[in-house]
Amino acid sequence: MNGPNIYLDVDRSRAAEFGLTQLDISNSLFVSLSSSAQVQPNFWLDPRMGITYAVAAQTPQYRLDSMGLLANTPVAVRTGASRNY
């Protein structure tokens, strides 16, 4: 593939101070660059029809047109909930 590459250095020590892992950060960036359907699929159930719809969140391209804007991607901080891997 001859597409562009983005390399980011994450200060893992600082991220750990906020309870973040490399996976948390990469998933947040991936949602901005791709969509939530790739990272954490969400579904909406229509109670009247009983049909499930896939819901995907994605940052519009016009809001992510520079590395500075990519660097401002919000990263969710876990608040006491534990993860089961």
PDB file of N, CA and C in Angstrom:
ATOM      1  N   MET A   1       0.836  -1.175   0.000  1.00  0.00           N
ATOM      2  CA  MET A   1       0.000   0.000   0.000  1.00  0.00           C
ATOM      3  C   MET A   1       0.882   1.239   0.000  1.00  0.00           C
ATOM      4  N   ASN A   2       0.580   2.142  -0.863  1.00  0.00           N
ATOM      5  CA  ASN A   2       1.359   3.370  -0.961  1.00  0.00           C
ATOM      6  C   ASN A   2       0.617   4.565  -0.379  1.00  0.00           C
ATOM      7  N   GLY A   3      -0.258   4.312   0.581  1.00  0.00           N
ATOM      8  CA  GLY A   3      -0.994   5.399   1.209  1.00  0.00           C
ATOM      9  C   GLY A   3      -0.147   6.114   2.243  1.00  0.00           C
ATOM     10  N   PRO A   4      -0.634   7.261   2.704  1.00  0.00           N
ATOM     11  CA  PRO A   4       0.115   8.000   3.734  1.00  0.00           C
ATOM     12  C   PRO A   4       0.090   7.266   5.071  1.00  0.00           C
ATOM     13  N   ASN A   5       1.117   7.468   5.861  1.00  0.00           N
ATOM     14  CA  ASN A   5       1.224   6.878   7.192  1.00  0.00           C
ATOM     15  C   ASN A   5       1.248   7.980   8.236  1.00  0.00           C
ATOM     16  N   ILE A   6       0.720   7.669   9.399  1.00  0.00           N
ATOM     17  CA  ILE A   6       0.774   8.575  10.547  1.00  0.00           C
ATOM     18  C   ILE A   6       1.438   7.818  11.682  1.00  0.00           C
ATOM     19  N   TYR A   7       2.499   8.381  12.222  1.00  0.00           N
ATOM     20  CA  TYR A   7       3.196   7.785  13.357  1.00  0.00           C
ATOM     21  C   TYR A   7       3.043   8.721  14.540  1.00  0.00           C
ATOM     22  N   LEU A   8       2.551   8.202  15.642  1.00  0.00           N
ATOM     23  CA  LEU A   8       2.348   8.997  16.846  1.00  0.00           C
ATOM     24  C   LEU A   8       3.102   8.375  18.007  1.00  0.00           C
ATOM     25  N   ASP A   9       3.762   9.204  18.780  1.00  0.00           N
ATOM     26  CA  ASP A   9       4.433   8.753  19.995  1.00  0.00           C
ATOM     27  C   ASP A   9       3.547   9.099  21.183  1.00  0.00           C
ATOM     28  N   VAL A  10       3.224   8.110  21.962  1.00  0.00           N
ATOM     29  CA  VAL A  10       2.395   8.308  23.144  1.00  0.00           C
ATOM     30  C   VAL A  10       3.281   8.205  24.375  1.00  0.00           C
ATOM     31  N   ASP A  11       3.194   9.192  25.241  1.00  0.00           N
ATOM     32  CA  ASP A  11       3.911   9.155  26.507  1.00  0.00           C
ATOM     33  C   ASP A  11       3.145   8.205  27.420  1.00  0.00           C
ATOM     34  N   ARG A  12       3.580   6.957  27.467  1.00  0.00           N
ATOM     35  CA  ARG A  12       2.848   5.924  28.201  1.00  0.00           C
ATOM     36  C   ARG A  12       2.831   6.187  29.704  1.00  0.00           C
ATOM     37  N   SER A  13       3.876   6.784  30.224  1.00  0.00           N
ATOM     38  CA  SER A  13       3.901   7.094  31.661  1.00  0.00           C
ATOM     39  C   SER A  13       2.830   8.119  31.997  1.00  0.00           C
ATOM     40  N   ARG A  14       2.756   9.147  31.187  1.00  0.00           N
ATOM     41  CA  ARG A  14       1.738  10.184  31.426  1.00  0.00           C
ATOM     42  C   ARG A  14       0.335   9.629  31.203  1.00  0.00           C
ATOM     43  N   ALA A  15       0.155   8.817  30.174  1.00  0.00           N
ATOM     44  CA  ALA A  15      -1.146   8.205  29.913  1.00  0.00           C
ATOM     45  C   ALA A  15      -1.571   7.343  31.094  1.00  0.00           C
ATOM     46  N   ALA A  16      -0.631   6.605  31.671  1.00  0.00           N
ATOM     47  CA  ALA A  16      -0.935   5.733  32.808  1.00  0.00           C
ATOM     48  C   ALA A  16      -1.390   6.545  34.022  1.00  0.00           C
ATOM     49  N   GLU A  17      -0.914   7.791  34.153  1.00  0.00           N
ATOM     50  CA  GLU A  17      -1.356   8.651  35.254  1.00  0.00           C
ATOM     51  C   GLU A  17      -2.860   8.902  35.189  1.00  0.00           C
ATOM     52  N   PHE A  18      -3.420   8.853  33.974  1.00  0.00           N
ATOM     53  CA  PHE A  18      -4.851   9.074  33.778  1.00  0.00           C
ATOM     54  C   PHE A  18      -5.618   7.761  33.638  1.00  0.00           C
ATOM     55  N   GLY A  19      -4.926   6.650  33.846  1.00  0.00           N
ATOM     56  CA  GLY A  19      -5.568   5.350  33.740  1.00  0.00           C
ATOM     57  C   GLY A  19      -5.793   4.900  32.311  1.00  0.00           C
ATOM     58  N   LEU A  20      -5.015   5.461  31.393  1.00  0.00           N
ATOM     59  CA  LEU A  20      -5.172   5.136  29.974  1.00  0.00           C
ATOM     60  C   LEU A  20      -4.132   4.129  29.520  1.00  0.00           C
ATOM     61  N   THR A  21      -4.517   3.309  28.585  1.00  0.00           N
ATOM     62  CA  THR A  21      -3.589   2.373  27.968  1.00  0.00           C
ATOM     63  C   THR A  21      -3.376   2.787  26.516  1.00  0.00           C
ATOM     64  N   GLN A  22      -2.413   2.170  25.875  1.00  0.00           N
ATOM     65  CA  GLN A  22      -2.174   2.424  24.456  1.00  0.00           C
ATOM     66  C   GLN A  22      -3.426   2.077  23.644  1.00  0.00           C
ATOM     67  N   LEU A  23      -4.144   1.036  24.069  1.00  0.00           N
ATOM     68  CA  LEU A  23      -5.363   0.618  23.382  1.00  0.00           C
ATOM     69  C   LEU A  23      -6.439   1.699  23.467  1.00  0.00           C
ATOM     70  N   ASP A  24      -6.599   2.329  24.632  1.00  0.00           N
ATOM     71  CA  ASP A  24      -7.584   3.407  24.793  1.00  0.00           C
ATOM     72  C   ASP A  24      -7.298   4.540  23.815  1.00  0.00           C
ATOM     73  N   ILE A  25      -6.046   4.917  23.724  1.00  0.00           N
ATOM     74  CA  ILE A  25      -5.660   6.033  22.865  1.00  0.00           C
ATOM     75  C   ILE A  25      -5.815   5.667  21.398  1.00  0.00           C
ATOM     76  N   SER A  26      -5.358   4.489  21.024  1.00  0.00           N
ATOM     77  CA  SER A  26      -5.461   4.098  19.618  1.00  0.00           C
ATOM     78  C   SER A  26      -6.919   3.922  19.197  1.00  0.00           C
ATOM     79  N   ASN A  27      -7.774   3.412  20.077  1.00  0.00           N
ATOM     80  CA  ASN A  27      -9.191   3.278  19.738  1.00  0.00           C
ATOM     81  C   ASN A  27      -9.846   4.635  19.526  1.00  0.00           C
ATOM     82  N   SER A  28      -9.517   5.609  20.356  1.00  0.00           N
ATOM     83  CA  SER A  28     -10.082   6.948  20.192  1.00  0.00           C
ATOM     84  C   SER A  28      -9.643   7.572  18.876  1.00  0.00           C
ATOM     85  N   LEU A  29      -8.377   7.404  18.530  1.00  0.00           N
ATOM     86  CA  LEU A  29      -7.895   7.932  17.257  1.00  0.00           C
ATOM     87  C   LEU A  29      -8.512   7.187  16.083  1.00  0.00           C
ATOM     88  N   PHE A  30      -8.707   5.886  16.239  1.00  0.00           N
ATOM     89  CA  PHE A  30      -9.281   5.089  15.165  1.00  0.00           C
ATOM     90  C   PHE A  30     -10.723   5.493  14.895  1.00  0.00           C
ATOM     91  N   VAL A  31     -11.471   5.855  15.935  1.00  0.00           N
ATOM     92  CA  VAL A  31     -12.846   6.326  15.744  1.00  0.00           C
ATOM     93  C   VAL A  31     -12.826   7.603  14.911  1.00  0.00           C
ATOM     94  N   SER A  32     -11.882   8.508  15.196  1.00  0.00           N
ATOM     95  CA  SER A  32     -11.794   9.742  14.422  1.00  0.00           C
ATOM     96  C   SER A  32     -11.376   9.487  12.988  1.00  0.00           C
ATOM     97  N   LEU A  33     -10.467   8.554  12.784  1.00  0.00           N
ATOM     98  CA  LEU A  33      -9.946   8.315  11.442  1.00  0.00           C
ATOM     99  C   LEU A  33     -10.792   7.328  10.643  1.00  0.00           C
ATOM    100  N   SER A  34     -11.562   6.487  11.299  1.00  0.00           N
ATOM    101  CA  SER A  34     -12.366   5.482  10.606  1.00  0.00           C
ATOM    102  C   SER A  34     -13.812   5.609  11.076  1.00  0.00           C
ATOM    103  N   SER A  35     -14.208   4.843  12.069  1.00  0.00           N
ATOM    104  CA  SER A  35     -15.527   4.983  12.691  1.00  0.00           C
ATOM    105  C   SER A  35     -15.617   4.058  13.899  1.00  0.00           C
ATOM    106  N   SER A  36     -16.645   4.272  14.696  1.00  0.00           N
ATOM    107  CA  SER A  36     -16.831   3.436  15.877  1.00  0.00           C
ATOM    108  C   SER A  36     -17.215   2.008  15.508  1.00  0.00           C
ATOM    109  N   ALA A  37     -17.731   1.805  14.294  1.00  0.00           N
ATOM    110  CA  ALA A  37     -18.119   0.460  13.871  1.00  0.00           C
ATOM    111  C   ALA A  37     -16.915  -0.471  13.840  1.00  0.00           C
ATOM    112  N   GLN A  38     -15.720   0.079  13.642  1.00  0.00           N
ATOM    113  CA  GLN A  38     -14.512  -0.722  13.600  1.00  0.00           C
ATOM    114  C   GLN A  38     -13.974  -1.016  15.005  1.00  0.00           C
ATOM    115  N   VAL A  39     -14.248  -0.137  15.956  1.00  0.00           N
ATOM    116  CA  VAL A  39     -13.675  -0.235  17.300  1.00  0.00           C
ATOM    117  C   VAL A  39     -14.661  -0.815  18.304  1.00  0.00           C
ATOM    118  N   GLN A  40     -15.829  -0.230  18.371  1.00  0.00           N
ATOM    119  CA  GLN A  40     -16.823  -0.624  19.364  1.00  0.00           C
ATOM    120  C   GLN A  40     -18.206  -0.516  18.721  1.00  0.00           C
ATOM    121  N   PRO A  41     -18.653  -1.588  18.068  1.00  0.00           N
ATOM    122  CA  PRO A  41     -19.948  -1.534  17.387  1.00  0.00           C
ATOM    123  C   PRO A  41     -21.090  -1.209  18.355  1.00  0.00           C
ATOM    124  N   ASN A  42     -21.994  -0.353  17.922  1.00  0.00           N
ATOM    125  CA  ASN A  42     -23.173   0.013  18.700  1.00  0.00           C
ATOM    126  C   ASN A  42     -24.408  -0.324  17.876  1.00  0.00           C
ATOM    127  N   PHE A  43     -25.465  -0.668  18.580  1.00  0.00           N
ATOM    128  CA  PHE A  43     -26.702  -1.017  17.896  1.00  0.00           C
ATOM    129  C   PHE A  43     -27.862  -0.282  18.542  1.00  0.00           C
ATOM    130  N   TRP A  44     -28.836   0.055  17.721  1.00  0.00           N
ATOM    131  CA  TRP A  44     -30.047   0.710  18.182  1.00  0.00           C
ATOM    132  C   TRP A  44     -31.207  -0.183  17.822  1.00  0.00           C
ATOM    133  N   LEU A  45     -32.090  -0.440  18.770  1.00  0.00           N
ATOM    134  CA  LEU A  45     -33.239  -1.305  18.547  1.00  0.00           C
ATOM    135  C   LEU A  45     -34.478  -0.446  18.390  1.00  0.00           C
ATOM    136  N   ASP A  46     -35.176  -0.632  17.280  1.00  0.00           N
ATOM    137  CA  ASP A  46     -36.455   0.038  17.055  1.00  0.00           C
ATOM    138  C   ASP A  46     -37.511  -0.775  17.799  1.00  0.00           C
ATOM    139  N   PRO A  47     -38.036  -0.281  18.924  1.00  0.00           N
ATOM    140  CA  PRO A  47     -38.957  -1.075  19.728  1.00  0.00           C
ATOM    141  C   PRO A  47     -40.271  -1.384  19.011  1.00  0.00           C
ATOM    142  N   ARG A  48     -40.713  -0.518  18.110  1.00  0.00           N
ATOM    143  CA  ARG A  48     -41.977  -0.780  17.408  1.00  0.00           C
ATOM    144  C   ARG A  48     -41.841  -1.910  16.402  1.00  0.00           C
ATOM    145  N   MET A  49     -40.740  -1.906  15.655  1.00  0.00           N
ATOM    146  CA  MET A  49     -40.563  -2.885  14.593  1.00  0.00           C
ATOM    147  C   MET A  49     -39.734  -4.089  15.038  1.00  0.00           C
ATOM    148  N   GLY A  50     -38.973  -3.925  16.140  1.00  0.00           N
ATOM    149  CA  GLY A  50     -38.126  -5.008  16.601  1.00  0.00           C
ATOM    150  C   GLY A  50     -36.908  -5.232  15.704  1.00  0.00           C
ATOM    151  N   ILE A  51     -36.502  -4.189  14.996  1.00  0.00           N
ATOM    152  CA  ILE A  51     -35.359  -4.278  14.078  1.00  0.00           C
ATOM    153  C   ILE A  51     -34.148  -3.615  14.719  1.00  0.00           C
ATOM    154  N   THR A  52     -32.999  -4.241  14.584  1.00  0.00           N
ATOM    155  CA  THR A  52     -31.757  -3.686  15.106  1.00  0.00           C
ATOM    156  C   THR A  52     -31.003  -2.985  13.982  1.00  0.00           C
ATOM    157  N   TYR A  53     -30.525  -1.776  14.260  1.00  0.00           N
ATOM    158  CA  TYR A  53     -29.756  -0.994  13.296  1.00  0.00           C
ATOM    159  C   TYR A  53     -28.349  -0.776  13.843  1.00  0.00           C
ATOM    160  N   ALA A  54     -27.372  -0.861  12.976  1.00  0.00           N
ATOM    161  CA  ALA A  54     -25.993  -0.544  13.374  1.00  0.00           C
ATOM    162  C   ALA A  54     -25.828   0.972  13.390  1.00  0.00           C
ATOM    163  N   VAL A  55     -25.168   1.480  14.421  1.00  0.00           N
ATOM    164  CA  VAL A  55     -24.912   2.908  14.552  1.00  0.00           C
ATOM    165  C   VAL A  55     -23.403   3.111  14.583  1.00  0.00           C
ATOM    166  N   ALA A  56     -22.907   4.000  13.733  1.00  0.00           N
ATOM    167  CA  ALA A  56     -21.467   4.273  13.686  1.00  0.00           C
ATOM    168  C   ALA A  56     -21.223   5.761  13.871  1.00  0.00           C
ATOM    169  N   ALA A  57     -20.278   6.092  14.731  1.00  0.00           N
ATOM    170  CA  ALA A  57     -19.874   7.483  14.940  1.00  0.00           C
ATOM    171  C   ALA A  57     -18.560   7.711  14.207  1.00  0.00           C
ATOM    172  N   GLN A  58     -18.448   8.852  13.542  1.00  0.00           N
ATOM    173  CA  GLN A  58     -17.222   9.177  12.816  1.00  0.00           C
ATOM    174  C   GLN A  58     -17.052  10.689  12.802  1.00  0.00           C
ATOM    175  N   THR A  59     -15.814  11.143  12.906  1.00  0.00           N
ATOM    176  CA  THR A  59     -15.518  12.564  12.818  1.00  0.00           C
ATOM    177  C   THR A  59     -15.578  12.986  11.357  1.00  0.00           C
ATOM    178  N   PRO A  60     -16.341  14.040  11.024  1.00  0.00           N
ATOM    179  CA  PRO A  60     -16.377  14.506   9.633  1.00  0.00           C
ATOM    180  C   PRO A  60     -14.976  14.928   9.174  1.00  0.00           C
ATOM    181  N   GLN A  61     -14.647  14.641   7.916  1.00  0.00           N
ATOM    182  CA  GLN A  61     -13.304  14.937   7.411  1.00  0.00           C
ATOM    183  C   GLN A  61     -12.953  16.416   7.491  1.00  0.00           C
ATOM    184  N   TYR A  62     -13.929  17.300   7.299  1.00  0.00           N
ATOM    185  CA  TYR A  62     -13.625  18.731   7.348  1.00  0.00           C
ATOM    186  C   TYR A  62     -13.240  19.191   8.758  1.00  0.00           C
ATOM    187  N   ARG A  63     -13.542  18.399   9.785  1.00  0.00           N
ATOM    188  CA  ARG A  63     -13.155  18.735  11.154  1.00  0.00           C
ATOM    189  C   ARG A  63     -11.841  18.100  11.566  1.00  0.00           C
ATOM    190  N   LEU A  64     -11.234  17.377  10.654  1.00  0.00           N
ATOM    191  CA  LEU A  64     -10.004  16.660  10.962  1.00  0.00           C
ATOM    192  C   LEU A  64      -9.034  16.824   9.792  1.00  0.00           C
ATOM    193  N   ASP A  65      -8.716  18.083   9.486  1.00  0.00           N
ATOM    194  CA  ASP A  65      -7.903  18.345   8.303  1.00  0.00           C
ATOM    195  C   ASP A  65      -6.469  18.762   8.612  1.00  0.00           C
ATOM    196  N   SER A  66      -6.027  18.524   9.849  1.00  0.00           N
ATOM    197  CA  SER A  66      -4.637  18.829  10.200  1.00  0.00           C
ATOM    198  C   SER A  66      -4.191  17.918  11.347  1.00  0.00           C
ATOM    199  N   MET A  67      -2.902  17.790  11.508  1.00  0.00           N
ATOM    200  CA  MET A  67      -2.371  16.972  12.604  1.00  0.00           C
ATOM    201  C   MET A  67      -2.707  17.594  13.959  1.00  0.00           C
ATOM    202  N   GLY A  68      -2.792  18.915  14.005  1.00  0.00           N
ATOM    203  CA  GLY A  68      -3.161  19.588  15.248  1.00  0.00           C
ATOM    204  C   GLY A  68      -4.556  19.206  15.709  1.00  0.00           C
ATOM    205  N   LEU A  69      -5.486  19.126  14.762  1.00  0.00           N
ATOM    206  CA  LEU A  69      -6.845  18.720  15.115  1.00  0.00           C
ATOM    207  C   LEU A  69      -6.894  17.252  15.513  1.00  0.00           C
ATOM    208  N   LEU A  70      -6.090  16.420  14.860  1.00  0.00           N
ATOM    209  CA  LEU A  70      -6.018  15.014  15.252  1.00  0.00           C
ATOM    210  C   LEU A  70      -5.465  14.882  16.672  1.00  0.00           C
ATOM    211  N   ALA A  71      -4.491  15.700  17.013  1.00  0.00           N
ATOM    212  CA  ALA A  71      -3.898  15.664  18.350  1.00  0.00           C
ATOM    213  C   ALA A  71      -4.898  16.089  19.423  1.00  0.00           C
ATOM    214  N   ASN A  72      -5.948  16.813  19.042  1.00  0.00           N
ATOM    215  CA  ASN A  72      -6.975  17.248  19.994  1.00  0.00           C
ATOM    216  C   ASN A  72      -8.125  16.252  20.109  1.00  0.00           C
ATOM    217  N   THR A  73      -7.950  15.049  19.603  1.00  0.00           N
ATOM    218  CA  THR A  73      -8.993  14.028  19.698  1.00  0.00           C
ATOM    219  C   THR A  73      -9.232  13.693  21.168  1.00  0.00           C
ATOM    220  N   PRO A  74     -10.491  13.764  21.628  1.00  0.00           N
ATOM    221  CA  PRO A  74     -10.754  13.414  23.016  1.00  0.00           C
ATOM    222  C   PRO A  74     -10.548  11.920  23.263  1.00  0.00           C
ATOM    223  N   VAL A  75      -9.997  11.594  24.419  1.00  0.00           N
ATOM    224  CA  VAL A  75      -9.785  10.204  24.809  1.00  0.00           C
ATOM    225  C   VAL A  75     -10.555   9.988  26.099  1.00  0.00           C
ATOM    226  N   ALA A  76     -11.444   9.000  26.082  1.00  0.00           N
ATOM    227  CA  ALA A  76     -12.271   8.724  27.253  1.00  0.00           C
ATOM    228  C   ALA A  76     -11.406   8.200  28.402  1.00  0.00           C
ATOM    229  N   VAL A  77     -11.633   8.740  29.593  1.00  0.00           N
ATOM    230  CA  VAL A  77     -10.937   8.286  30.793  1.00  0.00           C
ATOM    231  C   VAL A  77     -11.887   7.386  31.559  1.00  0.00           C
ATOM    232  N   ARG A  78     -11.426   6.205  31.896  1.00  0.00           N
ATOM    233  CA  ARG A  78     -12.273   5.280  32.651  1.00  0.00           C
ATOM    234  C   ARG A  78     -12.458   5.786  34.076  1.00  0.00           C
ATOM    235  N   THR A  79     -13.655   5.614  34.578  1.00  0.00           N
ATOM    236  CA  THR A  79     -13.966   6.102  35.927  1.00  0.00           C
ATOM    237  C   THR A  79     -14.412   4.956  36.820  1.00  0.00           C
ATOM    238  N   GLY A  80     -13.480   4.123  37.216  1.00  0.00           N
ATOM    239  CA  GLY A  80     -13.769   3.070  38.173  1.00  0.00           C
ATOM    240  C   GLY A  80     -14.310   1.778  37.583  1.00  0.00           C
ATOM    241  N   ALA A  81     -14.842   1.809  36.382  1.00  0.00           N
ATOM    242  CA  ALA A  81     -15.351   0.580  35.779  1.00  0.00           C
ATOM    243  C   ALA A  81     -14.173  -0.277  35.327  1.00  0.00           C
ATOM    244  N   SER A  82     -14.235  -1.552  35.609  1.00  0.00           N
ATOM    245  CA  SER A  82     -13.129  -2.424  35.225  1.00  0.00           C
ATOM    246  C   SER A  82     -13.411  -3.051  33.866  1.00  0.00           C
ATOM    247  N   ARG A  83     -12.341  -3.398  33.183  1.00  0.00           N
ATOM    248  CA  ARG A  83     -12.445  -4.056  31.889  1.00  0.00           C
ATOM    249  C   ARG A  83     -12.186  -5.532  32.070  1.00  0.00           C
ATOM    250  N   ASN A  84     -12.894  -6.312  31.308  1.00  0.00           N
ATOM    251  CA  ASN A  84     -12.680  -7.750  31.303  1.00  0.00           C
ATOM    252  C   ASN A  84     -12.102  -8.139  29.954  1.00  0.00           C
ATOM    253  N   TYR A  85     -10.867  -8.580  29.944  1.00  0.00           N
ATOM    254  CA  TYR A  85     -10.244  -9.022  28.697  1.00  0.00           C
ATOM    255  C   TYR A  85     -10.128 -10.506  28.702  1.00  0.00           C
TER     256      TYR A  85
END
